[in-house]
Amino acid sequence: DEFDRRVALAFYALVGALLCASWWGFFHYLGRHGDLVRGEVDEAFFQGERLRTAAGVLLYAAAGVLGYLVDPLIALGVFVAVPIFYGATSAGLYETRLVSRR
């Protein structure tokens, strides 16, 4: 049933957004408590990781809304793209040259 598909993808988007938000909180906490990490970890690392996780929250939320209101295939495309984004930027945004340092 079409309604069931839309509800299922909305819940999947919610879980994905909450998962990314939990990582955002983790990186935010570590960025503010430098005594918990090794000395060679740069502070900019945590800023970049918070940016990556915020992108995940926004993408999952947008996928849930668009998939529910417009077409579930839009959400499925985003659900495939987000892990690819995280895999491509797993070394960090600055190291992959997707974002330049200013």
C-alpha atoms as a PDB file:
ATOM      1  CA  ASP A   1       0.000   0.000   0.000  1.00  0.00           C
ATOM      2  CA  GLU A   2       1.311   3.460  -0.926  1.00  0.00           C
ATOM      3  CA  PHE A   3       0.531   5.012   2.453  1.00  0.00           C
ATOM      4  CA  ASP A   4       2.502   2.305   4.262  1.00  0.00           C
ATOM      5  CA  ARG A   5       5.523   2.938   2.021  1.00  0.00           C
ATOM      6  CA  ARG A   6       5.414   6.650   2.713  1.00  0.00           C
ATOM      7  CA  VAL A   7       5.132   6.122   6.471  1.00  0.00           C
ATOM      8  CA  ALA A   8       7.960   3.572   6.458  1.00  0.00           C
ATOM      9  CA  LEU A   9      10.323   5.917   4.614  1.00  0.00           C
ATOM     10  CA  ALA A  10       9.351   8.781   6.899  1.00  0.00           C
ATOM     11  CA  PHE A  11      10.325   6.662   9.919  1.00  0.00           C
ATOM     12  CA  TYR A  12      13.550   5.585   8.201  1.00  0.00           C
ATOM     13  CA  ALA A  13      14.347   9.261   7.573  1.00  0.00           C
ATOM     14  CA  LEU A  14      13.588  10.066  11.208  1.00  0.00           C
ATOM     15  CA  VAL A  15      15.917   7.326  12.447  1.00  0.00           C
ATOM     16  CA  GLY A  16      18.659   8.484  10.046  1.00  0.00           C
ATOM     17  CA  ALA A  17      18.299  12.099  11.146  1.00  0.00           C
ATOM     18  CA  LEU A  18      18.384  11.125  14.825  1.00  0.00           C
ATOM     19  CA  LEU A  19      21.444   8.964  14.252  1.00  0.00           C
ATOM     20  CA  CYS A  20      23.259  11.853  12.574  1.00  0.00           C
ATOM     21  CA  ALA A  21      22.140  14.204  15.339  1.00  0.00           C
ATOM     22  CA  SER A  22      23.600  11.881  17.961  1.00  0.00           C
ATOM     23  CA  TRP A  23      26.952  11.948  16.145  1.00  0.00           C
ATOM     24  CA  TRP A  24      26.710  15.754  15.976  1.00  0.00           C
ATOM     25  CA  GLY A  25      26.340  15.834  19.762  1.00  0.00           C
ATOM     26  CA  PHE A  26      29.269  13.461  20.175  1.00  0.00           C
ATOM     27  CA  PHE A  27      31.585  15.578  18.006  1.00  0.00           C
ATOM     28  CA  HIS A  28      30.352  18.787  19.610  1.00  0.00           C
ATOM     29  CA  TYR A  29      31.167  17.434  23.075  1.00  0.00           C
ATOM     30  CA  LEU A  30      34.618  16.226  22.052  1.00  0.00           C
ATOM     31  CA  GLY A  31      35.339  19.540  20.339  1.00  0.00           C
ATOM     32  CA  ARG A  32      34.622  21.386  23.573  1.00  0.00           C
ATOM     33  CA  HIS A  33      36.521  18.945  25.791  1.00  0.00           C
ATOM     34  CA  GLY A  34      39.969  18.699  24.265  1.00  0.00           C
ATOM     35  CA  ASP A  35      41.296  16.809  27.277  1.00  0.00           C
ATOM     36  CA  LEU A  36      39.356  13.735  26.090  1.00  0.00           C
ATOM     37  CA  VAL A  37      41.201  13.399  22.767  1.00  0.00           C
ATOM     38  CA  ARG A  38      44.795  12.886  21.763  1.00  0.00           C
ATOM     39  CA  GLY A  39      46.936  15.953  21.264  1.00  0.00           C
ATOM     40  CA  GLU A  40      47.391  15.426  17.523  1.00  0.00           C
ATOM     41  CA  VAL A  41      43.665  15.884  16.802  1.00  0.00           C
ATOM     42  CA  ASP A  42      43.122  19.341  15.350  1.00  0.00           C
ATOM     43  CA  GLU A  43      40.155  21.398  16.584  1.00  0.00           C
ATOM     44  CA  ALA A  44      39.087  21.951  12.969  1.00  0.00           C
ATOM     45  CA  PHE A  45      38.481  18.202  12.715  1.00  0.00           C
ATOM     46  CA  PHE A  46      35.497  18.410  15.040  1.00  0.00           C
ATOM     47  CA  GLN A  47      34.093  21.428  13.228  1.00  0.00           C
ATOM     48  CA  GLY A  48      34.271  19.517   9.954  1.00  0.00           C
ATOM     49  CA  GLU A  49      32.649  16.457  11.495  1.00  0.00           C
ATOM     50  CA  ARG A  50      29.826  18.558  12.913  1.00  0.00           C
ATOM     51  CA  LEU A  51      29.294  19.983   9.431  1.00  0.00           C
ATOM     52  CA  ARG A  52      29.150  16.483   7.952  1.00  0.00           C
ATOM     53  CA  THR A  53      26.644  15.267  10.543  1.00  0.00           C
ATOM     54  CA  ALA A  54      24.504  18.410  10.178  1.00  0.00           C
ATOM     55  CA  ALA A  55      24.381  17.732   6.437  1.00  0.00           C
ATOM     56  CA  GLY A  56      23.155  14.223   7.228  1.00  0.00           C
ATOM     57  CA  VAL A  57      20.412  15.523   9.522  1.00  0.00           C
ATOM     58  CA  LEU A  58      19.222  17.972   6.873  1.00  0.00           C
ATOM     59  CA  LEU A  59      19.402  15.441   4.041  1.00  0.00           C
ATOM     60  CA  TYR A  60      17.505  12.752   5.952  1.00  0.00           C
ATOM     61  CA  ALA A  61      14.872  15.264   7.072  1.00  0.00           C
ATOM     62  CA  ALA A  62      14.430  16.604   3.530  1.00  0.00           C
ATOM     63  CA  ALA A  63      14.238  13.059   2.178  1.00  0.00           C
ATOM     64  CA  GLY A  64      11.531  12.178   4.679  1.00  0.00           C
ATOM     65  CA  VAL A  65       9.425  15.207   3.865  1.00  0.00           C
ATOM     66  CA  LEU A  66       9.867  14.988   0.087  1.00  0.00           C
ATOM     67  CA  GLY A  67       9.397  11.238   0.063  1.00  0.00           C
ATOM     68  CA  TYR A  68       6.225  11.456   2.075  1.00  0.00           C
ATOM     69  CA  LEU A  69       4.684  14.440   0.300  1.00  0.00           C
ATOM     70  CA  VAL A  70       5.979  14.076  -3.259  1.00  0.00           C
ATOM     71  CA  ASP A  71       7.392  10.677  -4.221  1.00  0.00           C
ATOM     72  CA  PRO A  72       9.032   7.895  -2.209  1.00  0.00           C
ATOM     73  CA  LEU A  73      11.665   7.409  -4.937  1.00  0.00           C
ATOM     74  CA  ILE A  74      13.134  10.819  -4.060  1.00  0.00           C
ATOM     75  CA  ALA A  75      13.717   9.618  -0.512  1.00  0.00           C
ATOM     76  CA  LEU A  76      15.257   6.377  -1.705  1.00  0.00           C
ATOM     77  CA  GLY A  77      17.708   8.333  -3.850  1.00  0.00           C
ATOM     78  CA  VAL A  78      18.764  10.395  -0.849  1.00  0.00           C
ATOM     79  CA  PHE A  79      18.981   7.283   1.337  1.00  0.00           C
ATOM     80  CA  VAL A  80      21.475   5.854  -1.156  1.00  0.00           C
ATOM     81  CA  ALA A  81      23.373   9.137  -1.584  1.00  0.00           C
ATOM     82  CA  VAL A  82      23.955   9.889   2.112  1.00  0.00           C
ATOM     83  CA  PRO A  83      26.086   6.791   2.866  1.00  0.00           C
ATOM     84  CA  ILE A  84      28.038   7.441  -0.342  1.00  0.00           C
ATOM     85  CA  PHE A  85      28.665  11.000   0.871  1.00  0.00           C
ATOM     86  CA  TYR A  86      29.853   9.712   4.246  1.00  0.00           C
ATOM     87  CA  GLY A  87      32.078   7.128   2.600  1.00  0.00           C
ATOM     88  CA  ALA A  88      33.609   9.693   0.250  1.00  0.00           C
ATOM     89  CA  THR A  89      34.295  12.101   3.109  1.00  0.00           C
ATOM     90  CA  SER A  90      35.298   9.556   5.749  1.00  0.00           C
ATOM     91  CA  ALA A  91      38.788  11.083   5.958  1.00  0.00           C
ATOM     92  CA  GLY A  92      37.177  14.468   6.591  1.00  0.00           C
ATOM     93  CA  LEU A  93      35.839  17.216   4.379  1.00  0.00           C
ATOM     94  CA  TYR A  94      39.137  19.049   4.088  1.00  0.00           C
ATOM     95  CA  GLU A  95      41.191  15.988   3.209  1.00  0.00           C
ATOM     96  CA  THR A  96      38.871  15.017   0.340  1.00  0.00           C
ATOM     97  CA  ARG A  97      38.927  18.534  -1.156  1.00  0.00           C
ATOM     98  CA  LEU A  98      35.118  18.780  -1.213  1.00  0.00           C
ATOM     99  CA  VAL A  99      35.459  21.815   1.029  1.00  0.00           C
ATOM    100  CA  SER A 100      38.414  24.151   0.890  1.00  0.00           C
ATOM    101  CA  ARG A 101      40.043  25.642   3.963  1.00  0.00           C
ATOM    102  CA  ARG A 102      39.797  29.366   4.204  1.00  0.00           C
END
